[in-house]
Amino acid sequence: MIVFENWADQENPEHTLMPIRALLDYGYKLFVPMWWIGPPANQMFWPISNSMFPNGPKQMAYVEFDINMRFAIRDQINFFCCHEDRLLELDAKFDALNLD
C-alpha cells in the first residue's frame, strides 16, 4: 500500500498524471481520503479543520479516485493506493459504507 501527495501542474498536465497512470498500470486502486459526515448531512468532505464541518458523526472514508477528475478538484491531493491483490485485506480492516 502506498500514500503519496500529488500536486496539479496546470502547465504540464502529463507531469501531474504520470505517477497516477503508473500506479494504475501496476494494478493499484487509488483512493482519496475524505471525511464522511453522517445524518443529517450525509456528505463527503475534504480533510480540513473540524470547525468547518456540519453537525453529525464523522468517519474517515476512502473514496475511489477517477483519473478524469484530477484537474476538476483541488491542486493538492493525498492519495491512498492499494494493489488490487490486497483489496480484500483492506476491506477486512474497514467497514464498507453504503450511502444508497
PDB file of N, CA and C in Angstrom:
ATOM      1  N   MET A   1       0.847  -1.170   0.000  1.00  0.00           N
ATOM      2  CA  MET A   1       0.000   0.000   0.000  1.00  0.00           C
ATOM      3  C   MET A   1       0.891   1.230   0.000  1.00  0.00           C
ATOM      4  N   ILE A   2       0.416   2.277  -0.620  1.00  0.00           N
ATOM      5  CA  ILE A   2       1.215   3.486  -0.821  1.00  0.00           C
ATOM      6  C   ILE A   2       0.369   4.702  -0.479  1.00  0.00           C
ATOM      7  N   VAL A   3       0.988   5.694   0.141  1.00  0.00           N
ATOM      8  CA  VAL A   3       0.381   7.005   0.339  1.00  0.00           C
ATOM      9  C   VAL A   3       1.306   8.016  -0.321  1.00  0.00           C
ATOM     10  N   PHE A   4       0.743   8.893  -1.139  1.00  0.00           N
ATOM     11  CA  PHE A   4       1.579   9.926  -1.750  1.00  0.00           C
ATOM     12  C   PHE A   4       0.776  11.191  -1.996  1.00  0.00           C
ATOM     13  N   GLU A   5       1.507  12.289  -2.132  1.00  0.00           N
ATOM     14  CA  GLU A   5       0.913  13.595  -2.385  1.00  0.00           C
ATOM     15  C   GLU A   5       1.112  13.931  -3.862  1.00  0.00           C
ATOM     16  N   ASN A   6       0.083  14.500  -4.473  1.00  0.00           N
ATOM     17  CA  ASN A   6       0.138  14.846  -5.886  1.00  0.00           C
ATOM     18  C   ASN A   6      -0.315  16.290  -6.056  1.00  0.00           C
ATOM     19  N   TRP A   7       0.524  17.080  -6.712  1.00  0.00           N
ATOM     20  CA  TRP A   7       0.193  18.480  -6.997  1.00  0.00           C
ATOM     21  C   TRP A   7      -0.132  18.630  -8.475  1.00  0.00           C
ATOM     22  N   ALA A   8      -1.147  19.399  -8.778  1.00  0.00           N
ATOM     23  CA  ALA A   8      -1.548  19.639 -10.166  1.00  0.00           C
ATOM     24  C   ALA A   8      -0.594  20.644 -10.806  1.00  0.00           C
ATOM     25  N   ASP A   9      -0.042  20.268 -11.939  1.00  0.00           N
ATOM     26  CA  ASP A   9       0.798  21.156 -12.739  1.00  0.00           C
ATOM     27  C   ASP A   9      -0.041  21.543 -13.955  1.00  0.00           C
ATOM     28  N   GLN A  10      -0.671  22.697 -13.866  1.00  0.00           N
ATOM     29  CA  GLN A  10      -1.586  23.140 -14.921  1.00  0.00           C
ATOM     30  C   GLN A  10      -0.864  23.356 -16.255  1.00  0.00           C
ATOM     31  N   GLU A  11       0.414  23.716 -16.205  1.00  0.00           N
ATOM     32  CA  GLU A  11       1.165  23.961 -17.436  1.00  0.00           C
ATOM     33  C   GLU A  11       1.661  22.677 -18.085  1.00  0.00           C
ATOM     34  N   ASN A  12       1.749  21.603 -17.311  1.00  0.00           N
ATOM     35  CA  ASN A  12       2.219  20.322 -17.827  1.00  0.00           C
ATOM     36  C   ASN A  12       1.368  19.202 -17.210  1.00  0.00           C
ATOM     37  N   PRO A  13       0.138  19.017 -17.717  1.00  0.00           N
ATOM     38  CA  PRO A  13      -0.769  18.030 -17.133  1.00  0.00           C
ATOM     39  C   PRO A  13      -0.189  16.615 -17.086  1.00  0.00           C
ATOM     40  N   GLU A  14       0.615  16.236 -18.066  1.00  0.00           N
ATOM     41  CA  GLU A  14       1.185  14.884 -18.073  1.00  0.00           C
ATOM     42  C   GLU A  14       2.109  14.671 -16.876  1.00  0.00           C
ATOM     43  N   HIS A  15       2.784  15.727 -16.448  1.00  0.00           N
ATOM     44  CA  HIS A  15       3.642  15.644 -15.268  1.00  0.00           C
ATOM     45  C   HIS A  15       2.816  15.285 -14.028  1.00  0.00           C
ATOM     46  N   THR A  16       1.613  15.814 -13.939  1.00  0.00           N
ATOM     47  CA  THR A  16       0.699  15.515 -12.826  1.00  0.00           C
ATOM     48  C   THR A  16       0.177  14.090 -12.920  1.00  0.00           C
ATOM     49  N   LEU A  17      -0.200  13.666 -14.120  1.00  0.00           N
ATOM     50  CA  LEU A  17      -0.871  12.376 -14.306  1.00  0.00           C
ATOM     51  C   LEU A  17       0.084  11.181 -14.375  1.00  0.00           C
ATOM     52  N   MET A  18       1.348  11.424 -14.670  1.00  0.00           N
ATOM     53  CA  MET A  18       2.310  10.339 -14.861  1.00  0.00           C
ATOM     54  C   MET A  18       2.365   9.364 -13.672  1.00  0.00           C
ATOM     55  N   PRO A  19       2.534   9.820 -12.419  1.00  0.00           N
ATOM     56  CA  PRO A  19       2.594   8.848 -11.318  1.00  0.00           C
ATOM     57  C   PRO A  19       1.252   8.141 -11.088  1.00  0.00           C
ATOM     58  N   ILE A  20       0.165   8.827 -11.356  1.00  0.00           N
ATOM     59  CA  ILE A  20      -1.162   8.217 -11.195  1.00  0.00           C
ATOM     60  C   ILE A  20      -1.339   7.097 -12.214  1.00  0.00           C
ATOM     61  N   ARG A  21      -1.015   7.378 -13.463  1.00  0.00           N
ATOM     62  CA  ARG A  21      -1.132   6.354 -14.509  1.00  0.00           C
ATOM     63  C   ARG A  21      -0.213   5.167 -14.242  1.00  0.00           C
ATOM     64  N   ALA A  22       0.996   5.444 -13.767  1.00  0.00           N
ATOM     65  CA  ALA A  22       1.944   4.356 -13.479  1.00  0.00           C
ATOM     66  C   ALA A  22       1.370   3.418 -12.421  1.00  0.00           C
ATOM     67  N   LEU A  23       0.812   3.966 -11.361  1.00  0.00           N
ATOM     68  CA  LEU A  23       0.229   3.117 -10.319  1.00  0.00           C
ATOM     69  C   LEU A  23      -0.970   2.336 -10.837  1.00  0.00           C
ATOM     70  N   LEU A  24      -1.805   2.976 -11.639  1.00  0.00           N
ATOM     71  CA  LEU A  24      -2.949   2.266 -12.240  1.00  0.00           C
ATOM     72  C   LEU A  24      -2.455   1.126 -13.126  1.00  0.00           C
ATOM     73  N   ASP A  25      -1.398   1.378 -13.917  1.00  0.00           N
ATOM     74  CA  ASP A  25      -0.839   0.343 -14.791  1.00  0.00           C
ATOM     75  C   ASP A  25      -0.272  -0.836 -14.002  1.00  0.00           C
ATOM     76  N   TYR A  26       0.225  -0.577 -12.800  1.00  0.00           N
ATOM     77  CA  TYR A  26       0.774  -1.639 -11.949  1.00  0.00           C
ATOM     78  C   TYR A  26      -0.291  -2.355 -11.117  1.00  0.00           C
ATOM     79  N   GLY A  27      -1.564  -1.997 -11.343  1.00  0.00           N
ATOM     80  CA  GLY A  27      -2.644  -2.712 -10.673  1.00  0.00           C
ATOM     81  C   GLY A  27      -3.105  -2.127  -9.358  1.00  0.00           C
ATOM     82  N   TYR A  28      -2.773  -0.872  -9.108  1.00  0.00           N
ATOM     83  CA  TYR A  28      -3.224  -0.221  -7.877  1.00  0.00           C
ATOM     84  C   TYR A  28      -4.574   0.450  -8.085  1.00  0.00           C
ATOM     85  N   LYS A  29      -5.364   0.446  -7.043  1.00  0.00           N
ATOM     86  CA  LYS A  29      -6.586   1.249  -6.975  1.00  0.00           C
ATOM     87  C   LYS A  29      -6.222   2.485  -6.178  1.00  0.00           C
ATOM     88  N   LEU A  30      -6.657   3.645  -6.656  1.00  0.00           N
ATOM     89  CA  LEU A  30      -6.347   4.894  -5.977  1.00  0.00           C
ATOM     90  C   LEU A  30      -7.580   5.407  -5.249  1.00  0.00           C
ATOM     91  N   PHE A  31      -7.347   5.857  -4.023  1.00  0.00           N
ATOM     92  CA  PHE A  31      -8.409   6.392  -3.188  1.00  0.00           C
ATOM     93  C   PHE A  31      -7.982   7.746  -2.647  1.00  0.00           C
ATOM     94  N   VAL A  32      -8.973   8.600  -2.403  1.00  0.00           N
ATOM     95  CA  VAL A  32      -8.741   9.894  -1.779  1.00  0.00           C
ATOM     96  C   VAL A  32      -9.367   9.847  -0.392  1.00  0.00           C
ATOM     97  N   PRO A  33      -8.571  10.087   0.659  1.00  0.00           N
ATOM     98  CA  PRO A  33      -9.173  10.105   1.991  1.00  0.00           C
ATOM     99  C   PRO A  33     -10.054  11.342   2.158  1.00  0.00           C
ATOM    100  N   MET A  34     -11.244  11.126   2.655  1.00  0.00           N
ATOM    101  CA  MET A  34     -12.203  12.204   2.898  1.00  0.00           C
ATOM    102  C   MET A  34     -12.915  11.916   4.212  1.00  0.00           C
ATOM    103  N   TRP A  35     -13.635  12.897   4.695  1.00  0.00           N
ATOM    104  CA  TRP A  35     -14.494  12.697   5.861  1.00  0.00           C
ATOM    105  C   TRP A  35     -15.916  12.485   5.392  1.00  0.00           C
ATOM    106  N   TRP A  36     -16.554  11.438   5.905  1.00  0.00           N
ATOM    107  CA  TRP A  36     -17.989  11.251   5.689  1.00  0.00           C
ATOM    108  C   TRP A  36     -18.684  11.803   6.912  1.00  0.00           C
ATOM    109  N   ILE A  37     -19.617  12.712   6.691  1.00  0.00           N
ATOM    110  CA  ILE A  37     -20.418  13.278   7.760  1.00  0.00           C
ATOM    111  C   ILE A  37     -21.788  12.616   7.698  1.00  0.00           C
ATOM    112  N   GLY A  38     -22.155  11.942   8.761  1.00  0.00           N
ATOM    113  CA  GLY A  38     -23.419  11.203   8.810  1.00  0.00           C
ATOM    114  C   GLY A  38     -24.614  12.121   8.934  1.00  0.00           C
ATOM    115  N   PRO A  39     -25.771  11.531   9.238  1.00  0.00           N
ATOM    116  CA  PRO A  39     -27.008  12.303   9.348  1.00  0.00           C
ATOM    117  C   PRO A  39     -26.830  13.487  10.308  1.00  0.00           C
ATOM    118  N   PRO A  40     -27.394  14.618  10.020  1.00  0.00           N
ATOM    119  CA  PRO A  40     -28.342  14.855   8.937  1.00  0.00           C
ATOM    120  C   PRO A  40     -27.688  15.231   7.605  1.00  0.00           C
ATOM    121  N   ALA A  41     -26.372  15.499   7.565  1.00  0.00           N
ATOM    122  CA  ALA A  41     -25.725  15.986   6.339  1.00  0.00           C
ATOM    123  C   ALA A  41     -25.556  14.895   5.288  1.00  0.00           C
ATOM    124  N   ASN A  42     -25.060  13.695   5.671  1.00  0.00           N
ATOM    125  CA  ASN A  42     -24.764  12.610   4.728  1.00  0.00           C
ATOM    126  C   ASN A  42     -23.972  13.107   3.525  1.00  0.00           C
ATOM    127  N   GLN A  43     -22.806  13.710   3.796  1.00  0.00           N
ATOM    128  CA  GLN A  43     -21.971  14.277   2.737  1.00  0.00           C
ATOM    129  C   GLN A  43     -20.511  13.886   2.940  1.00  0.00           C
ATOM    130  N   MET A  44     -19.716  14.000   1.881  1.00  0.00           N
ATOM    131  CA  MET A  44     -18.278  13.797   1.940  1.00  0.00           C
ATOM    132  C   MET A  44     -17.592  15.159   1.971  1.00  0.00           C
ATOM    133  N   PHE A  45     -16.514  15.261   2.772  1.00  0.00           N
ATOM    134  CA  PHE A  45     -15.750  16.496   2.869  1.00  0.00           C
ATOM    135  C   PHE A  45     -14.273  16.186   2.816  1.00  0.00           C
ATOM    136  N   TRP A  46     -13.491  17.116   2.242  1.00  0.00           N
ATOM    137  CA  TRP A  46     -12.043  17.000   2.265  1.00  0.00           C
ATOM    138  C   TRP A  46     -11.579  17.109   3.702  1.00  0.00           C
ATOM    139  N   PRO A  47     -10.454  16.469   4.047  1.00  0.00           N
ATOM    140  CA  PRO A  47      -9.917  16.595   5.402  1.00  0.00           C
ATOM    141  C   PRO A  47      -9.398  18.015   5.659  1.00  0.00           C
ATOM    142  N   ILE A  48     -10.202  18.791   6.342  1.00  0.00           N
ATOM    143  CA  ILE A  48      -9.833  20.155   6.735  1.00  0.00           C
ATOM    144  C   ILE A  48     -10.239  20.348   8.184  1.00  0.00           C
ATOM    145  N   SER A  49     -10.109  21.517   8.686  1.00  0.00           N
ATOM    146  CA  SER A  49     -10.411  21.810  10.079  1.00  0.00           C
ATOM    147  C   SER A  49     -11.806  21.324  10.470  1.00  0.00           C
ATOM    148  N   ASN A  50     -11.900  20.620  11.599  1.00  0.00           N
ATOM    149  CA  ASN A  50     -13.184  20.116  12.077  1.00  0.00           C
ATOM    150  C   ASN A  50     -14.191  21.220  12.323  1.00  0.00           C
ATOM    151  N   SER A  51     -13.728  22.415  12.595  1.00  0.00           N
ATOM    152  CA  SER A  51     -14.655  23.509  12.897  1.00  0.00           C
ATOM    153  C   SER A  51     -15.517  23.883  11.688  1.00  0.00           C
ATOM    154  N   MET A  52     -15.111  23.453  10.482  1.00  0.00           N
ATOM    155  CA  MET A  52     -15.869  23.796   9.285  1.00  0.00           C
ATOM    156  C   MET A  52     -16.889  22.719   8.912  1.00  0.00           C
ATOM    157  N   PHE A  53     -16.898  21.590   9.634  1.00  0.00           N
ATOM    158  CA  PHE A  53     -17.807  20.502   9.312  1.00  0.00           C
ATOM    159  C   PHE A  53     -19.207  20.783   9.833  1.00  0.00           C
ATOM    160  N   PRO A  54     -20.220  20.297   9.114  1.00  0.00           N
ATOM    161  CA  PRO A  54     -21.585  20.384   9.649  1.00  0.00           C
ATOM    162  C   PRO A  54     -21.735  19.393  10.801  1.00  0.00           C
ATOM    163  N   ASN A  55     -22.819  19.516  11.534  1.00  0.00           N
ATOM    164  CA  ASN A  55     -23.095  18.603  12.631  1.00  0.00           C
ATOM    165  C   ASN A  55     -23.375  17.205  12.113  1.00  0.00           C
ATOM    166  N   GLY A  56     -23.036  16.224  12.901  1.00  0.00           N
ATOM    167  CA  GLY A  56     -23.270  14.823  12.539  1.00  0.00           C
ATOM    168  C   GLY A  56     -22.034  14.014  12.848  1.00  0.00           C
ATOM    169  N   PRO A  57     -22.167  12.692  12.889  1.00  0.00           N
ATOM    170  CA  PRO A  57     -20.991  11.848  13.159  1.00  0.00           C
ATOM    171  C   PRO A  57     -19.977  11.954  12.027  1.00  0.00           C
ATOM    172  N   LYS A  58     -18.702  11.874  12.375  1.00  0.00           N
ATOM    173  CA  LYS A  58     -17.627  11.976  11.384  1.00  0.00           C
ATOM    174  C   LYS A  58     -16.890  10.646  11.313  1.00  0.00           C
ATOM    175  N   GLN A  59     -16.616  10.217  10.093  1.00  0.00           N
ATOM    176  CA  GLN A  59     -15.901   8.965   9.886  1.00  0.00           C
ATOM    177  C   GLN A  59     -14.976   9.129   8.691  1.00  0.00           C
ATOM    178  N   MET A  60     -13.720   8.664   8.830  1.00  0.00           N
ATOM    179  CA  MET A  60     -12.785   8.711   7.706  1.00  0.00           C
ATOM    180  C   MET A  60     -13.274   7.742   6.639  1.00  0.00           C
ATOM    181  N   ALA A  61     -13.225   8.177   5.402  1.00  0.00           N
ATOM    182  CA  ALA A  61     -13.656   7.346   4.279  1.00  0.00           C
ATOM    183  C   ALA A  61     -12.599   7.425   3.184  1.00  0.00           C
ATOM    184  N   TYR A  62     -12.453   6.338   2.443  1.00  0.00           N
ATOM    185  CA  TYR A  62     -11.557   6.316   1.292  1.00  0.00           C
ATOM    186  C   TYR A  62     -12.424   6.207   0.054  1.00  0.00           C
ATOM    187  N   VAL A  63     -12.405   7.261  -0.765  1.00  0.00           N
ATOM    188  CA  VAL A  63     -13.252   7.359  -1.949  1.00  0.00           C
ATOM    189  C   VAL A  63     -12.407   7.017  -3.171  1.00  0.00           C
ATOM    190  N   GLU A  64     -12.882   6.056  -3.970  1.00  0.00           N
ATOM    191  CA  GLU A  64     -12.115   5.665  -5.157  1.00  0.00           C
ATOM    192  C   GLU A  64     -11.968   6.863  -6.084  1.00  0.00           C
ATOM    193  N   PHE A  65     -10.771   7.011  -6.631  1.00  0.00           N
ATOM    194  CA  PHE A  65     -10.417   8.172  -7.444  1.00  0.00           C
ATOM    195  C   PHE A  65     -10.570   7.866  -8.924  1.00  0.00           C
ATOM    196  N   ASP A  66     -11.169   8.797  -9.642  1.00  0.00           N
ATOM    197  CA  ASP A  66     -11.315   8.721 -11.095  1.00  0.00           C
ATOM    198  C   ASP A  66     -10.303   9.694 -11.705  1.00  0.00           C
ATOM    199  N   ILE A  67      -9.334   9.169 -12.446  1.00  0.00           N
ATOM    200  CA  ILE A  67      -8.263   9.995 -13.016  1.00  0.00           C
ATOM    201  C   ILE A  67      -8.806  11.146 -13.873  1.00  0.00           C
ATOM    202  N   ASN A  68      -9.972  10.970 -14.463  1.00  0.00           N
ATOM    203  CA  ASN A  68     -10.566  12.020 -15.294  1.00  0.00           C
ATOM    204  C   ASN A  68     -10.985  13.240 -14.476  1.00  0.00           C
ATOM    205  N   MET A  69     -11.030  13.107 -13.165  1.00  0.00           N
ATOM    206  CA  MET A  69     -11.432  14.210 -12.297  1.00  0.00           C
ATOM    207  C   MET A  69     -10.235  14.979 -11.724  1.00  0.00           C
ATOM    208  N   ARG A  70      -9.010  14.589 -12.078  1.00  0.00           N
ATOM    209  CA  ARG A  70      -7.838  15.160 -11.409  1.00  0.00           C
ATOM    210  C   ARG A  70      -7.788  16.681 -11.465  1.00  0.00           C
ATOM    211  N   PHE A  71      -8.076  17.282 -12.593  1.00  0.00           N
ATOM    212  CA  PHE A  71      -7.942  18.734 -12.705  1.00  0.00           C
ATOM    213  C   PHE A  71      -9.232  19.471 -12.357  1.00  0.00           C
ATOM    214  N   ALA A  72     -10.264  18.728 -12.012  1.00  0.00           N
ATOM    215  CA  ALA A  72     -11.529  19.345 -11.609  1.00  0.00           C
ATOM    216  C   ALA A  72     -11.592  19.556 -10.094  1.00  0.00           C
ATOM    217  N   ILE A  73     -10.591  19.033  -9.378  1.00  0.00           N
ATOM    218  CA  ILE A  73     -10.584  19.172  -7.926  1.00  0.00           C
ATOM    219  C   ILE A  73      -9.326  19.898  -7.487  1.00  0.00           C
ATOM    220  N   ARG A  74      -9.133  20.058  -6.231  1.00  0.00           N
ATOM    221  CA  ARG A  74      -8.076  20.899  -5.682  1.00  0.00           C
ATOM    222  C   ARG A  74      -6.684  20.566  -6.227  1.00  0.00           C
ATOM    223  N   ASP A  75      -5.782  21.539  -6.111  1.00  0.00           N
ATOM    224  CA  ASP A  75      -4.422  21.400  -6.662  1.00  0.00           C
ATOM    225  C   ASP A  75      -3.606  20.313  -5.974  1.00  0.00           C
ATOM    226  N   GLN A  76      -3.786  20.135  -4.670  1.00  0.00           N
ATOM    227  CA  GLN A  76      -3.013  19.161  -3.907  1.00  0.00           C
ATOM    228  C   GLN A  76      -3.948  18.057  -3.426  1.00  0.00           C
ATOM    229  N   ILE A  77      -3.572  16.806  -3.677  1.00  0.00           N
ATOM    230  CA  ILE A  77      -4.362  15.655  -3.231  1.00  0.00           C
ATOM    231  C   ILE A  77      -3.426  14.654  -2.581  1.00  0.00           C
ATOM    232  N   ASN A  78      -3.854  14.107  -1.466  1.00  0.00           N
ATOM    233  CA  ASN A  78      -3.163  12.975  -0.859  1.00  0.00           C
ATOM    234  C   ASN A  78      -3.880  11.711  -1.317  1.00  0.00           C
ATOM    235  N   PHE A  79      -3.127  10.790  -1.883  1.00  0.00           N
ATOM    236  CA  PHE A  79      -3.691   9.532  -2.365  1.00  0.00           C
ATOM    237  C   PHE A  79      -3.334   8.390  -1.425  1.00  0.00           C
ATOM    238  N   PHE A  80      -4.260   7.485  -1.265  1.00  0.00           N
ATOM    239  CA  PHE A  80      -4.016   6.202  -0.622  1.00  0.00           C
ATOM    240  C   PHE A  80      -4.187   5.166  -1.722  1.00  0.00           C
ATOM    241  N   CYS A  81      -3.186   4.324  -1.937  1.00  0.00           N
ATOM    242  CA  CYS A  81      -3.199   3.363  -3.039  1.00  0.00           C
ATOM    243  C   CYS A  81      -3.085   1.947  -2.483  1.00  0.00           C
ATOM    244  N   CYS A  82      -3.915   1.070  -2.997  1.00  0.00           N
ATOM    245  CA  CYS A  82      -3.899  -0.325  -2.575  1.00  0.00           C
ATOM    246  C   CYS A  82      -3.856  -1.193  -3.829  1.00  0.00           C
ATOM    247  N   HIS A  83      -2.931  -2.139  -3.862  1.00  0.00           N
ATOM    248  CA  HIS A  83      -2.862  -3.031  -5.003  1.00  0.00           C
ATOM    249  C   HIS A  83      -4.107  -3.902  -5.033  1.00  0.00           C
ATOM    250  N   GLU A  84      -4.592  -4.210  -6.235  1.00  0.00           N
ATOM    251  CA  GLU A  84      -5.832  -4.989  -6.368  1.00  0.00           C
ATOM    252  C   GLU A  84      -5.738  -6.346  -5.673  1.00  0.00           C
ATOM    253  N   ASP A  85      -4.530  -6.896  -5.539  1.00  0.00           N
ATOM    254  CA  ASP A  85      -4.348  -8.173  -4.846  1.00  0.00           C
ATOM    255  C   ASP A  85      -4.589  -8.068  -3.343  1.00  0.00           C
ATOM    256  N   ARG A  86      -4.616  -6.859  -2.825  1.00  0.00           N
ATOM    257  CA  ARG A  86      -4.775  -6.671  -1.377  1.00  0.00           C
ATOM    258  C   ARG A  86      -6.078  -5.978  -1.000  1.00  0.00           C
ATOM    259  N   LEU A  87      -6.993  -5.814  -1.954  1.00  0.00           N
ATOM    260  CA  LEU A  87      -8.247  -5.116  -1.659  1.00  0.00           C
ATOM    261  C   LEU A  87      -9.090  -5.839  -0.611  1.00  0.00           C
ATOM    262  N   LEU A  88      -9.107  -7.166  -0.631  1.00  0.00           N
ATOM    263  CA  LEU A  88      -9.874  -7.909   0.376  1.00  0.00           C
ATOM    264  C   LEU A  88      -9.292  -7.681   1.769  1.00  0.00           C
ATOM    265  N   GLU A  89      -7.976  -7.613   1.842  1.00  0.00           N
ATOM    266  CA  GLU A  89      -7.316  -7.325   3.119  1.00  0.00           C
ATOM    267  C   GLU A  89      -7.701  -5.930   3.617  1.00  0.00           C
ATOM    268  N   LEU A  90      -7.739  -4.973   2.707  1.00  0.00           N
ATOM    269  CA  LEU A  90      -8.138  -3.620   3.068  1.00  0.00           C
ATOM    270  C   LEU A  90      -9.586  -3.597   3.531  1.00  0.00           C
ATOM    271  N   ASP A  91     -10.466  -4.265   2.795  1.00  0.00           N
ATOM    272  CA  ASP A  91     -11.881  -4.318   3.177  1.00  0.00           C
ATOM    273  C   ASP A  91     -12.070  -4.911   4.567  1.00  0.00           C
ATOM    274  N   ALA A  92     -11.248  -5.873   4.916  1.00  0.00           N
ATOM    275  CA  ALA A  92     -11.355  -6.507   6.230  1.00  0.00           C
ATOM    276  C   ALA A  92     -10.996  -5.534   7.358  1.00  0.00           C
ATOM    277  N   LYS A  93     -10.200  -4.513   7.055  1.00  0.00           N
ATOM    278  CA  LYS A  93      -9.784  -3.540   8.070  1.00  0.00           C
ATOM    279  C   LYS A  93     -10.803  -2.423   8.259  1.00  0.00           C
ATOM    280  N   PHE A  94     -11.597  -2.174   7.252  1.00  0.00           N
ATOM    281  CA  PHE A  94     -12.541  -1.059   7.294  1.00  0.00           C
ATOM    282  C   PHE A  94     -13.943  -1.546   6.990  1.00  0.00           C
ATOM    283  N   ASP A  95     -14.922  -0.930   7.647  1.00  0.00           N
ATOM    284  CA  ASP A  95     -16.313  -1.231   7.335  1.00  0.00           C
ATOM    285  C   ASP A  95     -16.674  -0.531   6.045  1.00  0.00           C
ATOM    286  N   ALA A  96     -17.410  -1.211   5.198  1.00  0.00           N
ATOM    287  CA  ALA A  96     -17.901  -0.597   3.969  1.00  0.00           C
ATOM    288  C   ALA A  96     -19.066   0.325   4.330  1.00  0.00           C
ATOM    289  N   LEU A  97     -19.096   1.481   3.706  1.00  0.00           N
ATOM    290  CA  LEU A  97     -20.148   2.461   3.953  1.00  0.00           C
ATOM    291  C   LEU A  97     -21.027   2.516   2.710  1.00  0.00           C
ATOM    292  N   ASN A  98     -22.279   2.164   2.856  1.00  0.00           N
ATOM    293  CA  ASN A  98     -23.216   2.174   1.739  1.00  0.00           C
ATOM    294  C   ASN A  98     -24.130   3.372   1.902  1.00  0.00           C
ATOM    295  N   LEU A  99     -24.014   4.346   1.003  1.00  0.00           N
ATOM    296  CA  LEU A  99     -24.821   5.564   1.104  1.00  0.00           C
ATOM    297  C   LEU A  99     -26.108   5.483   0.306  1.00  0.00           C
ATOM    298  N   ASP A 100     -26.394   4.343  -0.325  1.00  0.00           N
ATOM    299  CA  ASP A 100     -27.627   4.210  -1.110  1.00  0.00           C
ATOM    300  C   ASP A 100     -28.844   4.088  -0.219  1.00  0.00           C
TER     301      ASP A 100
END
